[in-house]
Amino acid sequence: MTIIIFLVKDSISTEKQFWHFLINGHLDENTGAYANFYTYGSHLGEALSRTIEASGQIDLSNVDVIEAARLDTIEGFKLPEGTEALTEYVTFKDNLNTYDLDENEYQFIAPTGIVKSSDDGEYDYDLITETFVAYGKNEKGIFELELVADKKRLIETFIKTIDFLPTVDSFWIYIQNHWDDAKTELWVAKHFVDKKAVVNFLTSNKTSTLENGLIDCVVHSLAGQTNLTLDDHKKIQLHTKDEGLFDHFGKKIMGLGFEQTKDFYDLEFGYHHWHYRPSDSLGRETFKELLSTKGFDYLDSWE
């Protein structure tokens, strides 16, 4: 597969999960800080929400999670010295690593739903930037584009890319097998045949769809047998057999300010990572009930 240049670890729900989070935030308009938290939750998203809420007690604002580690699976783990309980669930290591804020300094913040693991990966995390890569037609006649956007821009960008498609003819959701360690399931809304219906469903159920790192959302267009996907790694992907559509889509992406690259990095490959859903999102079974009430049809499942 050739690159085309355009010219213009997953969390499983239990009751006693214990997590370490490296959190970044602001102490004031000039000072940033990194802090370490140790938090219990029924799943990663709940533990993270409790951590972010508790971080206000140490005057951190504009908080983002940088990396996470599951601690209850580590035999003999003990809290480090110098910790302070902020709530019944959250403990803080009583020191902050502060730094001067520089508005020109860039750091990629993973979108809600996925986070880097504390374990070292194959590549340096700093290599991940907001870029896209485009691949020429493969042996099946499919052109492919992949795009990485950070936490601030991902949802807005995905919603905009739906409008780049000539038509919308159905909408699919893949519930991944790493959600509660169950089978992968495919649910299809054949009646979602316009862009507004898709966007309304996604934005009305944002935490359970766009911010859920345990599902794939796929907008299908009959033109070029095209699929536009926001996958469980929170990466935007386009697959199409229509070269004109592919070229148009790539130029539109560049118009949004994304640069094309040959050196493409994302959390899916070369980095240990965790998938999660936000604390206020629906659980797996309740989410499937929502799909049924919205007219989705269960189509298939597999290991």
Protein backbone atom coordinates (compact mmCIF):
# COMPACT_ATOMS: atom_id res chain seq x y z
CA MET A 1 0.00 0.00 0.00
CA THR A 2 1.48 3.35 -1.07
CA ILE A 3 1.06 6.70 0.65
CA ILE A 4 -0.78 9.39 -1.33
CA ILE A 5 0.24 13.04 -0.86
CA PHE A 6 -2.58 15.55 -1.43
CA LEU A 7 -1.60 18.78 -3.13
CA VAL A 8 -4.00 21.21 -1.65
CA LYS A 9 -4.91 -2.44 27.09
CA ASP A 10 -8.35 -2.28 27.83
CA SER A 11 -10.24 -1.84 31.09
CA ILE A 12 -12.64 -4.53 32.31
CA SER A 13 -15.35 -3.53 34.78
CA THR A 14 -14.98 -4.76 38.39
CA GLU A 15 -16.01 -3.29 41.71
CA LYS A 16 -12.53 -2.71 43.13
CA GLN A 17 -10.30 -1.33 40.42
CA PHE A 18 -7.42 0.78 41.71
CA TRP A 19 -5.70 3.22 39.37
CA HIS A 20 -2.73 5.56 39.26
CA PHE A 21 -3.15 8.71 37.17
CA LEU A 22 -0.58 11.24 36.07
CA ILE A 23 -2.59 14.44 35.79
CA ASN A 24 -1.63 17.75 34.20
CA GLY A 25 -3.34 21.02 35.08
CA HIS A 26 -2.97 24.72 35.81
CA LEU A 27 -2.28 26.28 39.19
CA ASP A 28 -2.66 29.80 37.81
CA GLU A 29 -2.41 31.56 34.45
CA ASN A 30 1.38 31.25 34.46
CA THR A 31 2.01 27.91 36.17
CA GLY A 32 1.32 24.36 35.11
CA ALA A 33 1.77 21.26 37.23
CA TYR A 34 1.89 17.46 37.08
CA ALA A 35 0.36 15.50 39.95
CA ASN A 36 0.03 11.82 40.89
CA PHE A 37 -3.27 10.39 42.13
CA TYR A 38 -4.30 6.91 43.32
CA THR A 39 -8.00 6.23 42.93
CA TYR A 40 -10.60 3.49 43.32
CA GLY A 41 -13.52 3.06 40.93
CA SER A 42 -15.77 0.42 39.43
CA HIS A 43 -14.14 1.15 36.05
CA LEU A 44 -11.42 3.42 34.70
CA GLY A 45 -13.81 6.19 33.67
CA GLU A 46 -15.34 6.39 37.13
CA ALA A 47 -11.92 6.45 38.81
CA LEU A 48 -10.76 9.19 36.45
CA SER A 49 -13.88 11.29 37.10
CA ARG A 50 -13.32 11.02 40.85
CA THR A 51 -9.70 12.06 40.36
CA ILE A 52 -10.54 15.11 38.28
CA GLU A 53 -13.16 16.21 40.80
CA ALA A 54 -10.72 15.78 43.70
CA SER A 55 -7.96 17.69 41.88
CA GLY A 56 -9.84 20.90 42.63
CA GLN A 57 -8.91 20.43 46.29
CA ILE A 58 -5.28 21.09 45.39
CA ASP A 59 -6.27 24.06 43.20
CA LEU A 60 -5.68 22.37 39.84
CA SER A 61 -7.81 23.56 36.93
CA ASN A 62 -7.92 22.77 33.18
CA VAL A 63 -7.09 19.19 34.11
CA ASP A 64 -6.13 16.44 31.65
CA VAL A 65 -5.04 12.86 32.21
CA ILE A 66 -1.63 12.07 30.72
CA GLU A 67 -1.26 8.38 31.58
CA ALA A 68 -2.79 5.65 33.72
CA ALA A 69 -1.80 2.37 35.38
CA ARG A 70 -3.99 -0.35 36.89
CA LEU A 71 -2.63 -1.07 40.39
CA ASP A 72 -4.94 -3.73 41.85
CA THR A 73 -3.41 -6.23 39.40
CA ILE A 74 0.12 -5.58 40.74
CA GLU A 75 0.91 -8.02 43.52
CA GLY A 76 2.17 -6.36 46.70
CA PHE A 77 1.65 -2.77 45.51
CA LYS A 78 1.87 -0.18 48.28
CA LEU A 79 1.23 3.54 48.15
CA PRO A 80 4.42 5.61 48.10
CA GLU A 81 5.39 7.71 51.09
CA GLY A 82 4.00 11.21 51.35
CA THR A 83 0.43 10.60 50.26
CA GLU A 84 -2.70 12.41 51.40
CA ALA A 85 -6.29 11.15 51.21
CA LEU A 86 -8.50 13.73 49.49
CA THR A 87 -11.69 11.63 49.51
CA GLU A 88 -12.61 8.07 50.47
CA TYR A 89 -11.65 7.05 46.91
CA VAL A 90 -8.79 9.41 45.97
CA THR A 91 -5.28 9.73 47.38
CA PHE A 92 -2.80 12.38 46.27
CA LYS A 93 1.00 12.17 46.37
CA ASP A 94 1.79 15.33 48.25
CA ASN A 95 4.09 17.06 45.80
CA LEU A 96 3.59 18.85 42.49
CA ASN A 97 6.01 19.10 39.59
CA THR A 98 5.46 22.67 38.44
CA TYR A 99 6.56 24.45 35.27
CA ASP A 100 6.07 27.78 33.51
CA LEU A 101 3.23 27.74 31.02
CA ASP A 102 4.22 28.46 27.42
CA GLU A 103 1.32 29.04 25.04
CA ASN A 104 3.52 28.00 22.13
CA GLU A 105 4.47 24.64 23.65
CA TYR A 106 2.44 21.76 22.25
CA GLN A 107 1.51 18.57 24.06
CA PHE A 108 -0.84 16.01 22.55
CA ILE A 109 -3.74 15.24 24.89
CA ALA A 110 -5.47 11.98 24.10
CA PRO A 111 -9.22 12.28 23.43
CA THR A 112 -11.71 11.13 26.05
CA GLY A 113 -12.06 7.35 25.84
CA ILE A 114 -8.41 6.40 25.51
CA VAL A 115 -5.30 7.11 27.56
CA LYS A 116 -1.66 6.17 27.39
CA SER A 117 -0.48 3.48 29.81
CA SER A 118 2.33 4.24 32.23
CA ASP A 119 4.25 1.32 30.70
CA ASP A 120 6.84 2.32 28.14
CA GLY A 121 5.87 1.70 24.55
CA GLU A 122 7.88 1.30 21.38
CA TYR A 123 7.76 5.00 20.51
CA ASP A 124 8.14 8.33 22.31
CA TYR A 125 4.74 9.84 23.16
CA ASP A 126 5.88 13.21 21.84
CA LEU A 127 5.77 11.77 18.31
CA ILE A 128 1.96 11.83 18.33
CA THR A 129 0.66 15.02 16.71
CA GLU A 130 -2.51 16.16 14.97
CA THR A 131 -1.81 14.87 11.46
CA PHE A 132 -3.24 12.53 8.84
CA VAL A 133 -1.91 9.89 6.47
CA ALA A 134 -3.41 8.87 3.13
CA TYR A 135 -2.86 5.49 1.45
CA GLY A 136 -3.25 4.63 -2.22
CA LYS A 137 -5.62 1.99 -3.54
CA ASN A 138 -5.00 -1.46 -2.08
CA GLU A 139 -5.59 -4.88 -3.64
CA LYS A 140 -9.31 -4.58 -2.83
CA GLY A 141 -9.57 -1.22 -4.57
CA ILE A 142 -9.92 0.73 -1.32
CA PHE A 143 -8.34 4.09 -0.55
CA GLU A 144 -7.71 4.81 3.14
CA LEU A 145 -7.15 7.93 5.24
CA GLU A 146 -6.39 8.05 8.98
CA LEU A 147 -6.45 11.18 11.09
CA VAL A 148 -5.42 11.93 14.67
CA ALA A 149 -6.97 14.87 16.52
CA ASP A 150 -6.49 15.64 20.19
CA LYS A 151 -9.04 15.99 22.97
CA LYS A 152 -9.96 19.58 22.09
CA ARG A 153 -10.65 19.03 18.40
CA LEU A 154 -11.65 15.40 17.86
CA ILE A 155 -15.44 15.56 18.27
CA GLU A 156 -15.81 18.82 16.38
CA THR A 157 -13.64 17.44 13.58
CA PHE A 158 -15.54 14.16 13.26
CA ILE A 159 -18.88 15.97 13.08
CA LYS A 160 -17.50 18.20 10.32
CA THR A 161 -16.17 15.23 8.32
CA ILE A 162 -19.66 13.71 8.14
CA ASP A 163 -20.60 16.68 5.96
CA PHE A 164 -17.74 15.84 3.59
CA LEU A 165 -19.60 12.71 2.48
CA PRO A 166 -21.93 13.01 -0.53
CA THR A 167 -24.67 10.95 1.14
CA VAL A 168 -25.38 9.08 4.36
CA ASP A 169 -27.18 5.78 3.82
CA SER A 170 -26.90 4.04 7.21
CA PHE A 171 -25.08 4.20 10.53
CA TRP A 172 -23.34 1.33 12.31
CA ILE A 173 -22.00 0.82 15.83
CA TYR A 174 -19.52 -1.89 16.74
CA ILE A 175 -19.53 -2.67 20.47
CA GLN A 176 -16.02 -3.97 21.05
CA ASN A 177 -15.19 -7.23 22.84
CA HIS A 178 -12.97 -5.45 25.37
CA TRP A 179 -16.07 -3.82 26.83
CA ASP A 180 -16.84 -6.10 29.80
CA ASP A 181 -14.84 -8.86 28.06
CA ALA A 182 -17.84 -9.88 25.94
CA LYS A 183 -18.34 -10.53 22.22
CA THR A 184 -18.02 -7.85 19.58
CA GLU A 185 -21.50 -6.84 18.41
CA LEU A 186 -22.65 -4.99 15.29
CA TRP A 187 -25.76 -2.78 15.49
CA VAL A 188 -27.12 -1.02 12.39
CA ALA A 189 -29.49 1.92 11.96
CA LYS A 190 -30.68 1.56 8.37
CA HIS A 191 -33.16 4.41 8.86
CA PHE A 192 -30.37 6.94 9.49
CA VAL A 193 -30.29 8.12 5.89
CA ASP A 194 -29.35 11.76 6.35
CA LYS A 195 -26.51 13.57 8.05
CA LYS A 196 -28.71 15.38 10.54
CA ALA A 197 -30.07 12.12 12.00
CA VAL A 198 -26.54 10.81 12.61
CA VAL A 199 -25.26 14.07 14.11
CA ASN A 200 -28.31 14.43 16.38
CA PHE A 201 -27.91 10.90 17.71
CA LEU A 202 -24.18 11.32 18.36
CA THR A 203 -24.39 14.72 20.01
CA SER A 204 -27.44 13.79 22.09
CA ASN A 205 -25.56 10.76 23.44
CA LYS A 206 -22.03 12.17 23.41
CA THR A 207 -20.60 10.44 26.47
CA SER A 208 -21.90 7.03 25.36
CA THR A 209 -20.80 7.39 21.73
CA LEU A 210 -18.26 10.05 20.75
CA GLU A 211 -16.41 9.84 24.09
CA ASN A 212 -16.75 6.08 24.52
CA GLY A 213 -13.46 4.28 23.89
CA LEU A 214 -15.20 0.90 23.75
CA ILE A 215 -17.12 1.29 20.48
CA ASP A 216 -16.66 2.16 16.79
CA CYS A 217 -19.08 4.61 15.16
CA VAL A 218 -19.36 4.14 11.37
CA VAL A 219 -21.16 6.44 8.93
CA HIS A 220 -21.85 4.52 5.71
CA SER A 221 -22.34 6.03 2.26
CA LEU A 222 -23.28 3.97 -0.79
CA ALA A 223 -21.12 6.28 -2.91
CA GLY A 224 -17.86 4.37 -3.35
CA GLN A 225 -18.92 1.89 -0.64
CA THR A 226 -17.56 4.47 1.78
CA ASN A 227 -17.17 4.13 5.55
CA LEU A 228 -16.27 7.06 7.79
CA THR A 229 -15.29 5.75 11.21
CA LEU A 230 -14.54 7.13 14.65
CA ASP A 231 -12.95 4.02 16.10
CA ASP A 232 -12.33 2.87 19.67
CA HIS A 233 -8.84 4.39 19.53
CA LYS A 234 -10.49 7.76 18.86
CA LYS A 235 -8.98 7.94 15.39
CA ILE A 236 -10.94 9.14 12.35
CA GLN A 237 -10.71 6.80 9.36
CA LEU A 238 -12.05 6.93 5.81
CA HIS A 239 -12.29 3.87 3.56
CA THR A 240 -13.66 4.31 0.04
CA LYS A 241 -13.44 2.94 -3.49
CA ASP A 242 -14.21 6.36 -4.96
CA GLU A 243 -10.94 8.13 -5.76
CA GLY A 244 -12.67 11.47 -6.39
CA LEU A 245 -14.40 11.32 -3.02
CA PHE A 246 -11.09 10.35 -1.41
CA ASP A 247 -9.29 13.31 -2.96
CA HIS A 248 -12.10 15.69 -1.98
CA PHE A 249 -12.11 14.42 1.61
CA GLY A 250 -8.34 14.81 1.98
CA LYS A 251 -8.39 18.38 0.73
CA LYS A 252 -11.25 19.21 3.09
CA ILE A 253 -9.23 17.80 5.99
CA MET A 254 -6.33 20.03 5.03
CA GLY A 255 -8.77 22.93 4.94
CA LEU A 256 -9.48 22.26 8.63
CA GLY A 257 -5.78 22.85 9.36
CA PHE A 258 -4.49 19.26 9.58
CA GLU A 259 -1.14 18.52 8.00
CA GLN A 260 -0.41 15.40 6.01
CA THR A 261 2.51 13.20 7.01
CA LYS A 262 4.30 10.01 6.09
CA ASP A 263 5.44 9.53 9.70
CA PHE A 264 2.08 8.80 11.32
CA TYR A 265 1.82 7.92 15.02
CA ASP A 266 -1.24 7.13 17.10
CA LEU A 267 -1.98 5.28 20.33
CA GLU A 268 -3.20 2.16 18.53
CA PHE A 269 0.25 1.05 17.41
CA GLY A 270 3.50 1.19 19.38
CA TYR A 271 2.01 2.43 22.65
CA HIS A 272 0.51 0.62 25.62
CA HIS A 273 -2.88 2.17 26.29
CA TRP A 274 -6.23 1.84 28.04
CA HIS A 275 -9.76 2.20 26.67
CA TYR A 276 -12.56 3.55 28.86
CA ARG A 277 -15.98 5.16 28.90
CA PRO A 278 -16.84 8.31 30.87
CA SER A 279 -18.36 7.86 34.31
CA ASP A 280 -21.71 9.34 33.22
CA SER A 281 -22.02 7.16 30.10
CA LEU A 282 -24.29 4.14 29.77
CA GLY A 283 -23.12 0.64 30.69
CA ARG A 284 -22.96 -1.99 27.95
CA GLU A 285 -26.42 -3.52 28.45
CA THR A 286 -28.12 -0.15 28.99
CA PHE A 287 -26.40 1.18 25.88
CA LYS A 288 -27.80 -1.71 23.84
CA GLU A 289 -31.26 -0.88 25.20
CA LEU A 290 -30.77 2.69 23.96
CA LEU A 291 -29.83 1.42 20.51
CA SER A 292 -32.98 -0.68 20.37
CA THR A 293 -35.19 2.25 21.35
CA LYS A 294 -33.54 4.37 18.63
CA GLY A 295 -34.35 1.80 15.95
CA PHE A 296 -30.99 0.09 15.66
CA ASP A 297 -31.06 -3.58 14.64
CA TYR A 298 -28.71 -6.13 16.17
CA LEU A 299 -26.97 -7.73 13.19
CA ASP A 300 -24.20 -10.05 14.37
CA SER A 301 -21.67 -10.90 17.07
CA TRP A 302 -18.34 -12.71 17.21
CA GLU A 303 -15.44 -13.48 19.51
